[in-house]
C-alpha atoms as a PDB file:
ATOM      1  CA  UNK A   1      95.097 134.032 186.850  1.00  0.00           C
ATOM      2  CA  UNK A   2      93.483 134.233 190.270  1.00  0.00           C
ATOM      3  CA  UNK A   3      90.746 132.033 191.729  1.00  0.00           C
ATOM      4  CA  UNK A   4      87.890 134.340 190.668  1.00  0.00           C
ATOM      5  CA  UNK A   5      89.035 134.312 187.032  1.00  0.00           C
ATOM      6  CA  UNK A   6      89.389 130.517 187.135  1.00  0.00           C
ATOM      7  CA  UNK A   7      85.885 130.188 188.559  1.00  0.00           C
ATOM      8  CA  UNK A   8      84.420 132.476 185.900  1.00  0.00           C
ATOM      9  CA  UNK A   9      86.241 130.609 183.128  1.00  0.00           C
ATOM     10  CA  UNK A  10      85.135 127.221 184.466  1.00  0.00           C
ATOM     11  CA  UNK A  11      81.499 128.311 184.661  1.00  0.00           C
ATOM     12  CA  UNK A  12      81.565 129.823 181.171  1.00  0.00           C
ATOM     13  CA  UNK A  13      83.167 126.682 179.739  1.00  0.00           C
ATOM     14  CA  UNK A  14      80.539 124.547 181.480  1.00  0.00           C
ATOM     15  CA  UNK A  15      77.762 126.654 179.957  1.00  0.00           C
ATOM     16  CA  UNK A  16      79.401 126.431 176.529  1.00  0.00           C
ATOM     17  CA  UNK A  17      79.703 122.651 176.848  1.00  0.00           C
ATOM     18  CA  UNK A  18      76.054 122.304 177.876  1.00  0.00           C
ATOM     19  CA  UNK A  19      74.962 124.508 174.975  1.00  0.00           C
ATOM     20  CA  UNK A  20      77.013 122.473 172.489  1.00  0.00           C
ATOM     21  CA  UNK A  21      75.602 119.177 173.768  1.00  0.00           C
ATOM     22  CA  UNK A  22      72.048 120.559 173.673  1.00  0.00           C
ATOM     23  CA  UNK A  23      72.591 121.819 170.125  1.00  0.00           C
ATOM     24  CA  UNK A  24      73.993 118.462 168.978  1.00  0.00           C
ATOM     25  CA  UNK A  25      71.136 116.566 170.638  1.00  0.00           C
ATOM     26  CA  UNK A  26      68.571 118.849 168.988  1.00  0.00           C
ATOM     27  CA  UNK A  27      70.283 118.476 165.617  1.00  0.00           C
ATOM     28  CA  UNK A  28      70.286 114.692 166.024  1.00  0.00           C
ATOM     29  CA  UNK A  29      66.582 114.567 166.932  1.00  0.00           C
ATOM     30  CA  UNK A  30      65.555 116.912 164.100  1.00  0.00           C
ATOM     31  CA  UNK A  31      67.610 114.850 161.679  1.00  0.00           C
ATOM     32  CA  UNK A  32      65.959 111.652 162.931  1.00  0.00           C
ATOM     33  CA  UNK A  33      62.448 113.116 162.615  1.00  0.00           C
ATOM     34  CA  UNK A  34      63.175 114.322 159.070  1.00  0.00           C
ATOM     35  CA  UNK A  35      64.572 110.903 158.176  1.00  0.00           C
ATOM     36  CA  UNK A  36      61.475 109.135 159.498  1.00  0.00           C
ATOM     37  CA  UNK A  37      59.060 111.642 157.940  1.00  0.00           C
ATOM     38  CA  UNK A  38      60.594 111.926 154.490  1.00  0.00           C
ATOM     39  CA  UNK A  39      62.642 108.747 154.211  1.00  0.00           C
ATOM     40  CA  UNK A  40      65.595 110.702 152.840  1.00  0.00           C
ATOM     41  CA  UNK A  41      69.248 110.212 153.587  1.00  0.00           C
ATOM     42  CA  UNK A  42      70.254 110.270 157.246  1.00  0.00           C
ATOM     43  CA  UNK A  43      73.189 112.389 158.340  1.00  0.00           C
ATOM     44  CA  UNK A  44      75.118 110.514 161.039  1.00  0.00           C
ATOM     45  CA  UNK A  45      77.604 113.325 161.719  1.00  0.00           C
ATOM     46  CA  UNK A  46      75.733 115.023 164.617  1.00  0.00           C
ATOM     47  CA  UNK A  47      75.081 111.681 166.279  1.00  0.00           C
ATOM     48  CA  UNK A  48      78.712 110.613 166.041  1.00  0.00           C
ATOM     49  CA  UNK A  49      79.957 113.985 167.302  1.00  0.00           C
ATOM     50  CA  UNK A  50      77.485 113.872 170.206  1.00  0.00           C
ATOM     51  CA  UNK A  51      78.609 110.372 171.182  1.00  0.00           C
ATOM     52  CA  UNK A  52      82.292 111.368 170.919  1.00  0.00           C
ATOM     53  CA  UNK A  53      81.770 114.479 173.058  1.00  0.00           C
ATOM     54  CA  UNK A  54      79.900 112.592 175.763  1.00  0.00           C
ATOM     55  CA  UNK A  55      82.483 109.793 175.815  1.00  0.00           C
ATOM     56  CA  UNK A  56      85.360 112.282 176.040  1.00  0.00           C
ATOM     57  CA  UNK A  57      83.657 114.047 178.943  1.00  0.00           C
ATOM     58  CA  UNK A  58      82.983 110.772 180.737  1.00  0.00           C
ATOM     59  CA  UNK A  59      86.536 109.479 180.288  1.00  0.00           C
ATOM     60  CA  UNK A  60      88.119 112.728 181.413  1.00  0.00           C
ATOM     61  CA  UNK A  61      85.882 112.852 184.504  1.00  0.00           C
ATOM     62  CA  UNK A  62      86.788 109.288 185.455  1.00  0.00           C
ATOM     63  CA  UNK A  63      90.475 109.980 184.872  1.00  0.00           C
ATOM     64  CA  UNK A  64      90.378 113.082 187.076  1.00  0.00           C
ATOM     65  CA  UNK A  65      88.567 111.202 189.840  1.00  0.00           C
ATOM     66  CA  UNK A  66      91.134 108.401 189.753  1.00  0.00           C
ATOM     67  CA  UNK A  67      94.053 110.835 189.904  1.00  0.00           C
ATOM     68  CA  UNK A  68      92.534 112.649 192.893  1.00  0.00           C
ATOM     69  CA  UNK A  69      92.308 109.477 195.016  1.00  0.00           C
ATOM     70  CA  UNK A  70      95.377 107.768 193.597  1.00  0.00           C
ATOM     71  CA  UNK A  71      97.604 107.966 196.682  1.00  0.00           C
ATOM     72  CA  UNK A  72      94.825 107.677 199.266  1.00  0.00           C
ATOM     73  CA  UNK A  73      95.100 104.489 201.340  1.00  0.00           C
ATOM     74  CA  UNK A  74      91.568 104.724 202.767  1.00  0.00           C
ATOM     75  CA  UNK A  75      89.680 105.057 199.511  1.00  0.00           C
ATOM     76  CA  UNK A  76      89.801 102.229 196.977  1.00  0.00           C
ATOM     77  CA  UNK A  77      87.502 102.482 194.002  1.00  0.00           C
ATOM     78  CA  UNK A  78      86.895  99.613 191.585  1.00  0.00           C
ATOM     79  CA  UNK A  79      88.329 100.055 188.132  1.00  0.00           C
ATOM     80  CA  UNK A  80      85.368 101.770 186.516  1.00  0.00           C
ATOM     81  CA  UNK A  81      87.395 102.917 183.516  1.00  0.00           C
ATOM     82  CA  UNK A  82      87.498  99.377 182.144  1.00  0.00           C
ATOM     83  CA  UNK A  83      83.742  99.049 182.652  1.00  0.00           C
ATOM     84  CA  UNK A  84      83.170 102.339 180.836  1.00  0.00           C
ATOM     85  CA  UNK A  85      85.383 101.311 177.903  1.00  0.00           C
ATOM     86  CA  UNK A  86      83.589  97.962 177.577  1.00  0.00           C
ATOM     87  CA  UNK A  87      80.205  99.674 177.868  1.00  0.00           C
ATOM     88  CA  UNK A  88      81.163 102.277 175.267  1.00  0.00           C
ATOM     89  CA  UNK A  89      82.297  99.557 172.869  1.00  0.00           C
ATOM     90  CA  UNK A  90      79.022  97.728 173.444  1.00  0.00           C
ATOM     91  CA  UNK A  91      76.981 100.860 172.750  1.00  0.00           C
ATOM     92  CA  UNK A  92      79.074 101.580 169.659  1.00  0.00           C
ATOM     93  CA  UNK A  93      78.542  98.044 168.334  1.00  0.00           C
ATOM     94  CA  UNK A  94      74.795  98.140 168.981  1.00  0.00           C
ATOM     95  CA  UNK A  95      74.548 101.560 167.324  1.00  0.00           C
ATOM     96  CA  UNK A  96      76.584 100.382 164.354  1.00  0.00           C
ATOM     97  CA  UNK A  97      74.519  97.252 163.806  1.00  0.00           C
ATOM     98  CA  UNK A  98      71.217  99.107 164.315  1.00  0.00           C
ATOM     99  CA  UNK A  99      72.307 101.683 161.740  1.00  0.00           C
ATOM    100  CA  UNK A 100      73.508  98.953 159.386  1.00  0.00           C
ATOM    101  CA  UNK A 101      70.183  97.130 159.717  1.00  0.00           C
ATOM    102  CA  UNK A 102      68.169 100.341 159.252  1.00  0.00           C
ATOM    103  CA  UNK A 103      70.208 101.267 156.177  1.00  0.00           C
ATOM    104  CA  UNK A 104      69.827  97.924 154.397  1.00  0.00           C
ATOM    105  CA  UNK A 105      66.347  97.004 155.624  1.00  0.00           C
ATOM    106  CA  UNK A 106      64.812 100.174 154.182  1.00  0.00           C
END
């Protein structure tokens, strides 16, 4: 595969990723509006998939950045991967407890 084919594939994959994230975000918002309007059961699947996709993208980007500057003596970046993992766990805990509270308070 030459450079032009790689570029085309990368752009098409980026567009597909953006479309999938937009679709999941829309599904999550519609589901939330329907839950608030009707008070029915809330489907957490699109929200969980959206969070997983965004976390996977963030982790892979950080990993690629770290590998690119790994042997460089001039550039030293703080360990942001640990911060991201701790932040992701914090967001997951807050989301879990907010969902738990919303489920049993209603």
